[in-house]
PDB file of N, CA and C in Angstrom:
ATOM      1  N   UNK A   1    -120.441  20.144  43.057  1.00  0.00           N
ATOM      2  CA  UNK A   1    -119.881  21.250  42.086  1.00  0.00           C
ATOM      3  C   UNK A   1    -121.317  21.267  40.661  1.00  0.00           C
ATOM      4  N   UNK A   2    -121.678  19.867  40.307  1.00  0.00           N
ATOM      5  CA  UNK A   2    -122.828  19.880  39.224  1.00  0.00           C
ATOM      6  C   UNK A   2    -123.718  20.600  39.690  1.00  0.00           C
ATOM      7  N   UNK A   3    -124.222  20.795  40.764  1.00  0.00           N
ATOM      8  CA  UNK A   3    -125.467  21.902  41.452  1.00  0.00           C
ATOM      9  C   UNK A   3    -125.217  23.055  41.104  1.00  0.00           C
ATOM     10  N   UNK A   4    -124.061  23.587  41.231  1.00  0.00           N
ATOM     11  CA  UNK A   4    -123.436  25.023  40.936  1.00  0.00           C
ATOM     12  C   UNK A   4    -123.450  25.055  39.496  1.00  0.00           C
ATOM     13  N   UNK A   5    -122.734  24.443  38.651  1.00  0.00           N
ATOM     14  CA  UNK A   5    -122.701  24.382  37.396  1.00  0.00           C
ATOM     15  C   UNK A   5    -124.272  24.545  36.628  1.00  0.00           C
ATOM     16  N   UNK A   6    -125.132  23.774  37.176  1.00  0.00           N
ATOM     17  CA  UNK A   6    -126.459  23.756  36.556  1.00  0.00           C
ATOM     18  C   UNK A   6    -126.985  24.879  36.845  1.00  0.00           C
ATOM     19  N   UNK A   7    -126.632  25.393  37.844  1.00  0.00           N
ATOM     20  CA  UNK A   7    -127.535  26.884  38.164  1.00  0.00           C
ATOM     21  C   UNK A   7    -126.925  27.965  37.121  1.00  0.00           C
ATOM     22  N   UNK A   8    -125.452  27.877  37.036  1.00  0.00           N
ATOM     23  CA  UNK A   8    -124.687  28.631  36.004  1.00  0.00           C
ATOM     24  C   UNK A   8    -125.646  28.728  34.597  1.00  0.00           C
ATOM     25  N   UNK A   9    -125.408  27.093  34.241  1.00  0.00           N
ATOM     26  CA  UNK A   9    -126.410  26.692  32.994  1.00  0.00           C
ATOM     27  C   UNK A   9    -127.586  27.503  32.868  1.00  0.00           C
ATOM     28  N   UNK A  10    -128.347  27.349  34.019  1.00  0.00           N
ATOM     29  CA  UNK A  10    -129.949  28.047  34.332  1.00  0.00           C
ATOM     30  C   UNK A  10    -129.798  29.490  33.694  1.00  0.00           C
ATOM     31  N   UNK A  11    -128.855  30.043  34.612  1.00  0.00           N
ATOM     32  CA  UNK A  11    -128.783  31.364  34.219  1.00  0.00           C
ATOM     33  C   UNK A  11    -128.671  32.128  33.117  1.00  0.00           C
ATOM     34  N   UNK A  12    -127.589  31.395  32.260  1.00  0.00           N
ATOM     35  CA  UNK A  12    -127.270  31.214  31.190  1.00  0.00           C
ATOM     36  C   UNK A  12    -128.311  31.219  30.028  1.00  0.00           C
ATOM     37  N   UNK A  13    -129.042  30.196  30.380  1.00  0.00           N
ATOM     38  CA  UNK A  13    -130.286  30.241  29.512  1.00  0.00           C
ATOM     39  C   UNK A  13    -131.434  31.162  29.721  1.00  0.00           C
ATOM     40  N   UNK A  14    -131.444  31.652  30.805  1.00  0.00           N
ATOM     41  CA  UNK A  14    -132.280  32.711  31.319  1.00  0.00           C
ATOM     42  C   UNK A  14    -131.905  34.112  30.273  1.00  0.00           C
ATOM     43  N   UNK A  15    -130.698  34.219  30.688  1.00  0.00           N
ATOM     44  CA  UNK A  15    -130.007  34.927  29.655  1.00  0.00           C
ATOM     45  C   UNK A  15    -130.239  35.424  28.262  1.00  0.00           C
ATOM     46  N   UNK A  16    -130.142  33.880  27.854  1.00  0.00           N
ATOM     47  CA  UNK A  16    -130.615  33.715  26.138  1.00  0.00           C
ATOM     48  C   UNK A  16    -131.828  34.183  26.166  1.00  0.00           C
ATOM     49  N   UNK A  17    -132.876  33.702  26.747  1.00  0.00           N
ATOM     50  CA  UNK A  17    -134.353  34.257  26.640  1.00  0.00           C
ATOM     51  C   UNK A  17    -134.529  35.503  26.520  1.00  0.00           C
ATOM     52  N   UNK A  18    -133.951  36.311  27.611  1.00  0.00           N
ATOM     53  CA  UNK A  18    -133.778  37.792  27.654  1.00  0.00           C
ATOM     54  C   UNK A  18    -133.675  38.294  26.158  1.00  0.00           C
ATOM     55  N   UNK A  19    -132.294  38.057  25.851  1.00  0.00           N
ATOM     56  CA  UNK A  19    -131.533  38.231  24.571  1.00  0.00           C
ATOM     57  C   UNK A  19    -132.663  37.852  23.417  1.00  0.00           C
ATOM     58  N   UNK A  20    -133.253  36.825  23.396  1.00  0.00           N
ATOM     59  CA  UNK A  20    -134.191  36.647  22.303  1.00  0.00           C
ATOM     60  C   UNK A  20    -135.589  37.489  22.067  1.00  0.00           C
ATOM     61  N   UNK A  21    -135.953  37.841  23.343  1.00  0.00           N
ATOM     62  CA  UNK A  21    -137.135  38.834  23.945  1.00  0.00           C
ATOM     63  C   UNK A  21    -136.759  40.057  23.461  1.00  0.00           C
ATOM     64  N   UNK A  22    -135.636  40.459  23.571  1.00  0.00           N
ATOM     65  CA  UNK A  22    -135.011  42.052  23.231  1.00  0.00           C
ATOM     66  C   UNK A  22    -135.043  42.240  21.731  1.00  0.00           C
ATOM     67  N   UNK A  23    -134.634  41.074  21.166  1.00  0.00           N
ATOM     68  CA  UNK A  23    -134.356  40.942  19.618  1.00  0.00           C
ATOM     69  C   UNK A  23    -135.910  40.942  18.843  1.00  0.00           C
ATOM     70  N   UNK A  24    -136.687  40.416  19.478  1.00  0.00           N
ATOM     71  CA  UNK A  24    -138.245  40.484  19.017  1.00  0.00           C
ATOM     72  C   UNK A  24    -139.035  41.438  19.344  1.00  0.00           C
ATOM     73  N   UNK A  25    -138.382  42.732  20.426  1.00  0.00           N
ATOM     74  CA  UNK A  25    -138.938  43.370  20.961  1.00  0.00           C
ATOM     75  C   UNK A  25    -140.313  43.241  21.633  1.00  0.00           C
ATOM     76  N   UNK A  26    -139.893  42.136  22.340  1.00  0.00           N
ATOM     77  CA  UNK A  26    -141.352  41.331  23.023  1.00  0.00           C
ATOM     78  C   UNK A  26    -140.983  41.904  24.470  1.00  0.00           C
ATOM     79  N   UNK A  27    -141.424  43.149  24.830  1.00  0.00           N
ATOM     80  CA  UNK A  27    -141.042  43.713  26.017  1.00  0.00           C
ATOM     81  C   UNK A  27    -141.523  42.966  27.209  1.00  0.00           C
ATOM     82  N   UNK A  28    -142.776  42.328  27.477  1.00  0.00           N
ATOM     83  CA  UNK A  28    -143.364  41.836  28.276  1.00  0.00           C
ATOM     84  C   UNK A  28    -142.356  40.362  28.460  1.00  0.00           C
ATOM     85  N   UNK A  29    -142.230  39.647  27.390  1.00  0.00           N
ATOM     86  CA  UNK A  29    -141.398  38.532  27.805  1.00  0.00           C
ATOM     87  C   UNK A  29    -139.939  38.830  28.174  1.00  0.00           C
ATOM     88  N   UNK A  30    -139.636  39.920  27.828  1.00  0.00           N
ATOM     89  CA  UNK A  30    -138.115  40.418  28.295  1.00  0.00           C
ATOM     90  C   UNK A  30    -138.429  40.305  30.000  1.00  0.00           C
ATOM     91  N   UNK A  31    -138.980  41.509  30.232  1.00  0.00           N
ATOM     92  CA  UNK A  31    -139.387  41.561  31.586  1.00  0.00           C
ATOM     93  C   UNK A  31    -139.590  39.940  32.271  1.00  0.00           C
ATOM     94  N   UNK A  32    -140.537  39.441  31.909  1.00  0.00           N
ATOM     95  CA  UNK A  32    -140.710  38.283  32.610  1.00  0.00           C
ATOM     96  C   UNK A  32    -139.156  37.125  32.608  1.00  0.00           C
ATOM     97  N   UNK A  33    -138.740  37.540  31.673  1.00  0.00           N
ATOM     98  CA  UNK A  33    -137.352  36.333  31.415  1.00  0.00           C
ATOM     99  C   UNK A  33    -136.562  37.080  32.740  1.00  0.00           C
ATOM    100  N   UNK A  34    -136.431  38.429  32.680  1.00  0.00           N
ATOM    101  CA  UNK A  34    -135.245  38.920  33.741  1.00  0.00           C
ATOM    102  C   UNK A  34    -136.040  39.030  35.028  1.00  0.00           C
ATOM    103  N   UNK A  35    -136.956  38.324  35.284  1.00  0.00           N
ATOM    104  CA  UNK A  35    -137.613  38.106  36.631  1.00  0.00           C
ATOM    105  C   UNK A  35    -136.914  36.901  36.971  1.00  0.00           C
ATOM    106  N   UNK A  36    -137.224  36.007  35.821  1.00  0.00           N
ATOM    107  CA  UNK A  36    -136.627  34.191  36.284  1.00  0.00           C
ATOM    108  C   UNK A  36    -135.262  34.454  36.169  1.00  0.00           C
ATOM    109  N   UNK A  37    -134.526  35.148  35.513  1.00  0.00           N
ATOM    110  CA  UNK A  37    -132.934  35.232  35.643  1.00  0.00           C
ATOM    111  C   UNK A  37    -132.623  35.990  36.925  1.00  0.00           C
ATOM    112  N   UNK A  38    -133.334  36.800  37.510  1.00  0.00           N
ATOM    113  CA  UNK A  38    -132.972  37.282  38.739  1.00  0.00           C
ATOM    114  C   UNK A  38    -132.933  36.336  40.236  1.00  0.00           C
ATOM    115  N   UNK A  39    -134.381  35.427  40.355  1.00  0.00           N
ATOM    116  CA  UNK A  39    -134.302  34.764  40.745  1.00  0.00           C
ATOM    117  C   UNK A  39    -133.374  33.482  40.557  1.00  0.00           C
ATOM    118  N   UNK A  40    -132.832  33.137  39.432  1.00  0.00           N
ATOM    119  CA  UNK A  40    -132.085  32.372  39.409  1.00  0.00           C
ATOM    120  C   UNK A  40    -130.555  32.355  40.078  1.00  0.00           C
ATOM    121  N   UNK A  41    -130.076  33.724  39.764  1.00  0.00           N
ATOM    122  CA  UNK A  41    -129.175  34.295  40.511  1.00  0.00           C
ATOM    123  C   UNK A  41    -129.117  34.439  41.695  1.00  0.00           C
ATOM    124  N   UNK A  42    -129.951  34.609  42.339  1.00  0.00           N
ATOM    125  CA  UNK A  42    -129.926  34.580  43.682  1.00  0.00           C
ATOM    126  C   UNK A  42    -130.045  33.099  44.224  1.00  0.00           C
ATOM    127  N   UNK A  43    -130.674  32.135  43.561  1.00  0.00           N
ATOM    128  CA  UNK A  43    -130.135  31.145  44.102  1.00  0.00           C
ATOM    129  C   UNK A  43    -128.939  30.584  43.922  1.00  0.00           C
ATOM    130  N   UNK A  44    -128.278  30.588  42.768  1.00  0.00           N
ATOM    131  CA  UNK A  44    -127.051  30.542  42.162  1.00  0.00           C
ATOM    132  C   UNK A  44    -125.824  31.312  43.335  1.00  0.00           C
ATOM    133  N   UNK A  45    -126.522  32.475  44.060  1.00  0.00           N
ATOM    134  CA  UNK A  45    -125.299  33.047  44.891  1.00  0.00           C
ATOM    135  C   UNK A  45    -125.354  32.242  46.110  1.00  0.00           C
ATOM    136  N   UNK A  46    -126.481  31.358  46.498  1.00  0.00           N
ATOM    137  CA  UNK A  46    -126.412  30.749  47.759  1.00  0.00           C
ATOM    138  C   UNK A  46    -125.882  29.417  47.393  1.00  0.00           C
ATOM    139  N   UNK A  47    -125.841  28.666  46.233  1.00  0.00           N
ATOM    140  CA  UNK A  47    -125.254  27.411  45.790  1.00  0.00           C
ATOM    141  C   UNK A  47    -123.565  27.489  45.399  1.00  0.00           C
ATOM    142  N   UNK A  48    -123.376  28.978  44.948  1.00  0.00           N
ATOM    143  CA  UNK A  48    -122.217  29.126  44.980  1.00  0.00           C
ATOM    144  C   UNK A  48    -121.052  29.366  46.059  1.00  0.00           C
ATOM    145  N   UNK A  49    -121.975  30.044  47.071  1.00  0.00           N
ATOM    146  CA  UNK A  49    -121.234  29.837  48.593  1.00  0.00           C
ATOM    147  C   UNK A  49    -120.825  29.107  48.897  1.00  0.00           C
ATOM    148  N   UNK A  50    -121.387  27.952  48.691  1.00  0.00           N
ATOM    149  CA  UNK A  50    -120.961  26.689  49.659  1.00  0.00           C
ATOM    150  C   UNK A  50    -120.680  25.768  48.817  1.00  0.00           C
ATOM    151  N   UNK A  51    -119.712  26.036  47.300  1.00  0.00           N
ATOM    152  CA  UNK A  51    -119.166  25.101  46.785  1.00  0.00           C
ATOM    153  C   UNK A  51    -117.895  25.397  46.197  1.00  0.00           C
ATOM    154  N   UNK A  52    -117.295  24.256  45.711  1.00  0.00           N
ATOM    155  CA  UNK A  52    -115.996  24.915  45.453  1.00  0.00           C
ATOM    156  C   UNK A  52    -115.516  23.700  44.069  1.00  0.00           C
ATOM    157  N   UNK A  53    -115.416  24.637  43.088  1.00  0.00           N
ATOM    158  CA  UNK A  53    -115.133  24.323  41.982  1.00  0.00           C
ATOM    159  C   UNK A  53    -113.485  23.375  41.603  1.00  0.00           C
ATOM    160  N   UNK A  54    -113.810  22.604  40.563  1.00  0.00           N
ATOM    161  CA  UNK A  54    -112.367  22.056  40.251  1.00  0.00           C
ATOM    162  C   UNK A  54    -111.906  22.927  39.273  1.00  0.00           C
ATOM    163  N   UNK A  55    -110.932  22.905  38.329  1.00  0.00           N
ATOM    164  CA  UNK A  55    -110.080  23.808  37.508  1.00  0.00           C
ATOM    165  C   UNK A  55    -111.391  23.673  36.465  1.00  0.00           C
ATOM    166  N   UNK A  56    -111.735  22.567  35.988  1.00  0.00           N
ATOM    167  CA  UNK A  56    -112.463  22.510  34.909  1.00  0.00           C
ATOM    168  C   UNK A  56    -114.150  23.401  34.968  1.00  0.00           C
ATOM    169  N   UNK A  57    -114.450  22.980  36.024  1.00  0.00           N
ATOM    170  CA  UNK A  57    -115.359  23.677  36.658  1.00  0.00           C
ATOM    171  C   UNK A  57    -115.142  25.566  36.757  1.00  0.00           C
ATOM    172  N   UNK A  58    -114.086  26.026  37.336  1.00  0.00           N
ATOM    173  CA  UNK A  58    -113.973  26.965  36.822  1.00  0.00           C
ATOM    174  C   UNK A  58    -114.152  27.652  35.839  1.00  0.00           C
ATOM    175  N   UNK A  59    -113.257  26.777  34.789  1.00  0.00           N
ATOM    176  CA  UNK A  59    -113.113  27.218  33.200  1.00  0.00           C
ATOM    177  C   UNK A  59    -114.691  27.314  32.652  1.00  0.00           C
ATOM    178  N   UNK A  60    -115.909  26.289  32.723  1.00  0.00           N
ATOM    179  CA  UNK A  60    -116.978  26.736  32.948  1.00  0.00           C
ATOM    180  C   UNK A  60    -117.574  27.825  33.243  1.00  0.00           C
ATOM    181  N   UNK A  61    -117.615  27.864  34.604  1.00  0.00           N
ATOM    182  CA  UNK A  61    -118.128  29.100  35.179  1.00  0.00           C
ATOM    183  C   UNK A  61    -117.490  30.387  34.385  1.00  0.00           C
ATOM    184  N   UNK A  62    -116.616  30.696  34.282  1.00  0.00           N
ATOM    185  CA  UNK A  62    -115.990  31.616  33.602  1.00  0.00           C
ATOM    186  C   UNK A  62    -116.351  31.996  32.360  1.00  0.00           C
ATOM    187  N   UNK A  63    -116.925  30.764  31.423  1.00  0.00           N
ATOM    188  CA  UNK A  63    -117.179  30.784  30.187  1.00  0.00           C
ATOM    189  C   UNK A  63    -118.516  30.810  29.987  1.00  0.00           C
ATOM    190  N   UNK A  64    -119.622  30.651  31.213  1.00  0.00           N
ATOM    191  CA  UNK A  64    -120.725  31.136  31.158  1.00  0.00           C
ATOM    192  C   UNK A  64    -120.798  32.352  31.785  1.00  0.00           C
ATOM    193  N   UNK A  65    -120.307  33.103  32.328  1.00  0.00           N
ATOM    194  CA  UNK A  65    -119.870  34.241  33.121  1.00  0.00           C
ATOM    195  C   UNK A  65    -120.090  35.176  31.857  1.00  0.00           C
ATOM    196  N   UNK A  66    -118.990  35.124  30.874  1.00  0.00           N
ATOM    197  CA  UNK A  66    -118.287  35.376  29.978  1.00  0.00           C
ATOM    198  C   UNK A  66    -119.799  36.257  28.815  1.00  0.00           C
ATOM    199  N   UNK A  67    -120.447  34.666  28.431  1.00  0.00           N
ATOM    200  CA  UNK A  67    -121.680  34.354  27.756  1.00  0.00           C
ATOM    201  C   UNK A  67    -122.960  35.279  28.226  1.00  0.00           C
ATOM    202  N   UNK A  68    -123.108  35.477  29.415  1.00  0.00           N
ATOM    203  CA  UNK A  68    -124.414  36.603  30.500  1.00  0.00           C
ATOM    204  C   UNK A  68    -123.768  37.811  30.338  1.00  0.00           C
ATOM    205  N   UNK A  69    -122.696  38.226  30.475  1.00  0.00           N
ATOM    206  CA  UNK A  69    -122.098  39.724  30.297  1.00  0.00           C
ATOM    207  C   UNK A  69    -122.250  39.996  28.951  1.00  0.00           C
ATOM    208  N   UNK A  70    -122.063  39.155  28.027  1.00  0.00           N
ATOM    209  CA  UNK A  70    -122.136  39.244  26.259  1.00  0.00           C
ATOM    210  C   UNK A  70    -123.637  39.728  25.977  1.00  0.00           C
ATOM    211  N   UNK A  71    -124.497  38.654  26.591  1.00  0.00           N
ATOM    212  CA  UNK A  71    -125.893  38.779  26.294  1.00  0.00           C
ATOM    213  C   UNK A  71    -126.245  40.218  26.848  1.00  0.00           C
ATOM    214  N   UNK A  72    -125.898  40.430  27.909  1.00  0.00           N
ATOM    215  CA  UNK A  72    -126.331  41.397  28.878  1.00  0.00           C
ATOM    216  C   UNK A  72    -125.903  43.217  27.803  1.00  0.00           C
ATOM    217  N   UNK A  73    -124.771  42.790  27.385  1.00  0.00           N
ATOM    218  CA  UNK A  73    -124.423  43.838  26.403  1.00  0.00           C
ATOM    219  C   UNK A  73    -125.111  43.921  25.455  1.00  0.00           C
ATOM    220  N   UNK A  74    -125.408  42.806  24.754  1.00  0.00           N
ATOM    221  CA  UNK A  74    -126.559  43.096  23.501  1.00  0.00           C
ATOM    222  C   UNK A  74    -127.625  43.501  23.776  1.00  0.00           C
ATOM    223  N   UNK A  75    -128.290  43.137  25.052  1.00  0.00           N
ATOM    224  CA  UNK A  75    -129.808  43.167  25.226  1.00  0.00           C
ATOM    225  C   UNK A  75    -129.783  45.087  25.805  1.00  0.00           C
ATOM    226  N   UNK A  76    -128.596  45.529  26.264  1.00  0.00           N
ATOM    227  CA  UNK A  76    -128.409  46.990  26.682  1.00  0.00           C
ATOM    228  C   UNK A  76    -128.500  47.567  25.247  1.00  0.00           C
ATOM    229  N   UNK A  77    -127.576  47.082  24.229  1.00  0.00           N
ATOM    230  CA  UNK A  77    -127.603  47.799  22.863  1.00  0.00           C
ATOM    231  C   UNK A  77    -129.109  47.684  22.156  1.00  0.00           C
ATOM    232  N   UNK A  78    -129.593  46.790  22.537  1.00  0.00           N
ATOM    233  CA  UNK A  78    -131.075  46.407  21.882  1.00  0.00           C
ATOM    234  C   UNK A  78    -132.252  47.620  22.562  1.00  0.00           C
ATOM    235  N   UNK A  79    -131.817  47.623  23.935  1.00  0.00           N
ATOM    236  CA  UNK A  79    -132.849  48.577  24.855  1.00  0.00           C
ATOM    237  C   UNK A  79    -132.339  50.095  24.557  1.00  0.00           C
ATOM    238  N   UNK A  80    -131.181  50.266  24.470  1.00  0.00           N
ATOM    239  CA  UNK A  80    -131.048  51.726  24.456  1.00  0.00           C
ATOM    240  C   UNK A  80    -132.083  53.013  23.148  1.00  0.00           C
ATOM    241  N   UNK A  81    -132.332  52.144  22.164  1.00  0.00           N
ATOM    242  CA  UNK A  81    -132.936  53.235  21.905  1.00  0.00           C
ATOM    243  C   UNK A  81    -134.495  53.350  21.961  1.00  0.00           C
ATOM    244  N   UNK A  82    -135.048  52.120  22.293  1.00  0.00           N
ATOM    245  CA  UNK A  82    -136.442  52.270  22.863  1.00  0.00           C
ATOM    246  C   UNK A  82    -136.711  53.024  24.360  1.00  0.00           C
ATOM    247  N   UNK A  83    -135.243  52.787  25.398  1.00  0.00           N
ATOM    248  CA  UNK A  83    -135.414  53.602  26.595  1.00  0.00           C
ATOM    249  C   UNK A  83    -135.224  54.948  26.217  1.00  0.00           C
ATOM    250  N   UNK A  84    -134.528  55.637  25.049  1.00  0.00           N
ATOM    251  CA  UNK A  84    -134.490  57.079  24.641  1.00  0.00           C
ATOM    252  C   UNK A  84    -135.840  57.485  24.330  1.00  0.00           C
ATOM    253  N   UNK A  85    -136.260  56.548  23.440  1.00  0.00           N
ATOM    254  CA  UNK A  85    -137.671  57.021  22.979  1.00  0.00           C
ATOM    255  C   UNK A  85    -138.973  57.319  24.269  1.00  0.00           C
ATOM    256  N   UNK A  86    -138.629  56.358  25.139  1.00  0.00           N
ATOM    257  CA  UNK A  86    -139.638  56.406  26.308  1.00  0.00           C
ATOM    258  C   UNK A  86    -139.137  57.826  27.392  1.00  0.00           C
ATOM    259  N   UNK A  87    -137.887  57.779  27.254  1.00  0.00           N
ATOM    260  CA  UNK A  87    -137.516  59.011  28.010  1.00  0.00           C
ATOM    261  C   UNK A  87    -137.936  60.675  27.143  1.00  0.00           C
ATOM    262  N   UNK A  88    -138.372  60.219  25.919  1.00  0.00           N
ATOM    263  CA  UNK A  88    -138.335  61.606  24.964  1.00  0.00           C
ATOM    264  C   UNK A  88    -140.230  61.848  25.419  1.00  0.00           C
ATOM    265  N   UNK A  89    -140.951  60.794  25.425  1.00  0.00           N
ATOM    266  CA  UNK A  89    -142.065  60.722  25.589  1.00  0.00           C
ATOM    267  C   UNK A  89    -142.506  61.072  26.991  1.00  0.00           C
ATOM    268  N   UNK A  90    -141.726  60.987  27.963  1.00  0.00           N
ATOM    269  CA  UNK A  90    -141.995  61.146  29.335  1.00  0.00           C
ATOM    270  C   UNK A  90    -141.702  62.675  29.589  1.00  0.00           C
ATOM    271  N   UNK A  91    -140.493  63.116  28.928  1.00  0.00           N
ATOM    272  CA  UNK A  91    -140.096  64.505  28.920  1.00  0.00           C
ATOM    273  C   UNK A  91    -141.183  65.526  27.891  1.00  0.00           C
ATOM    274  N   UNK A  92    -141.625  64.922  27.031  1.00  0.00           N
ATOM    275  CA  UNK A  92    -143.026  65.722  26.333  1.00  0.00           C
ATOM    276  C   UNK A  92    -143.850  65.765  27.081  1.00  0.00           C
ATOM    277  N   UNK A  93    -144.522  64.808  28.007  1.00  0.00           N
ATOM    278  CA  UNK A  93    -145.828  64.745  28.552  1.00  0.00           C
ATOM    279  C   UNK A  93    -145.445  65.719  30.070  1.00  0.00           C
ATOM    280  N   UNK A  94    -143.961  65.609  30.650  1.00  0.00           N
ATOM    281  CA  UNK A  94    -143.982  67.038  31.664  1.00  0.00           C
ATOM    282  C   UNK A  94    -143.764  68.161  31.162  1.00  0.00           C
ATOM    283  N   UNK A  95    -143.273  68.417  30.179  1.00  0.00           N
ATOM    284  CA  UNK A  95    -143.456  69.906  29.431  1.00  0.00           C
ATOM    285  C   UNK A  95    -144.860  70.047  29.036  1.00  0.00           C
ATOM    286  N   UNK A  96    -145.649  69.201  28.606  1.00  0.00           N
ATOM    287  CA  UNK A  96    -147.050  69.567  28.065  1.00  0.00           C
ATOM    288  C   UNK A  96    -147.641  69.723  29.467  1.00  0.00           C
ATOM    289  N   UNK A  97    -147.458  69.318  30.760  1.00  0.00           N
ATOM    290  CA  UNK A  97    -147.935  69.149  31.717  1.00  0.00           C
ATOM    291  C   UNK A  97    -147.897  70.581  32.466  1.00  0.00           C
ATOM    292  N   UNK A  98    -146.681  71.106  32.390  1.00  0.00           N
ATOM    293  CA  UNK A  98    -146.097  72.260  32.603  1.00  0.00           C
ATOM    294  C   UNK A  98    -146.622  73.290  31.849  1.00  0.00           C
ATOM    295  N   UNK A  99    -146.569  73.367  30.744  1.00  0.00           N
ATOM    296  CA  UNK A  99    -147.283  74.413  29.641  1.00  0.00           C
ATOM    297  C   UNK A  99    -148.462  74.561  30.120  1.00  0.00           C
ATOM    298  N   UNK A 100    -149.444  73.475  30.289  1.00  0.00           N
ATOM    299  CA  UNK A 100    -150.729  73.414  30.468  1.00  0.00           C
ATOM    300  C   UNK A 100    -151.163  73.960  31.602  1.00  0.00           C
ATOM    301  N   UNK A 101    -150.427  74.152  32.851  1.00  0.00           N
ATOM    302  CA  UNK A 101    -150.460  74.234  34.353  1.00  0.00           C
ATOM    303  C   UNK A 101    -149.999  75.772  34.422  1.00  0.00           C
ATOM    304  N   UNK A 102    -149.036  76.080  33.637  1.00  0.00           N
ATOM    305  CA  UNK A 102    -148.633  77.843  33.483  1.00  0.00           C
ATOM    306  C   UNK A 102    -150.023  78.498  32.802  1.00  0.00           C
ATOM    307  N   UNK A 103    -150.686  77.981  31.822  1.00  0.00           N
ATOM    308  CA  UNK A 103    -151.682  78.762  31.173  1.00  0.00           C
ATOM    309  C   UNK A 103    -152.743  78.503  31.340  1.00  0.00           C
ATOM    310  N   UNK A 104    -153.289  77.547  32.311  1.00  0.00           N
ATOM    311  CA  UNK A 104    -154.240  77.210  32.979  1.00  0.00           C
ATOM    312  C   UNK A 104    -154.580  77.923  34.207  1.00  0.00           C
ATOM    313  N   UNK A 105    -153.485  78.107  34.750  1.00  0.00           N
ATOM    314  CA  UNK A 105    -153.700  78.589  36.136  1.00  0.00           C
ATOM    315  C   UNK A 105    -154.178  79.968  36.665  1.00  0.00           C
TER     316      UNK A 105
END
């Protein structure tokens, strides 16, 4: 049980790192933290499948999951403007390429 909760604690810590990176607009750090988080989640899934948590463990697990989901929502909120800006840049580049192709053909 303690090992499983430790994995959950590791995931919530990685989620917090991701949120901190997103708040600082440190995109490379966000990507690195996201990769660590994904690796931890993979380990967690294996450990979680083999363990049975008592009531206190279940409550702790639920609290951690709620925290990770809250972090995820905040990260998405912070990333949304950045993603829209990148999408606009890509759309502009595609349009420019089409125009260049149409007039230079």
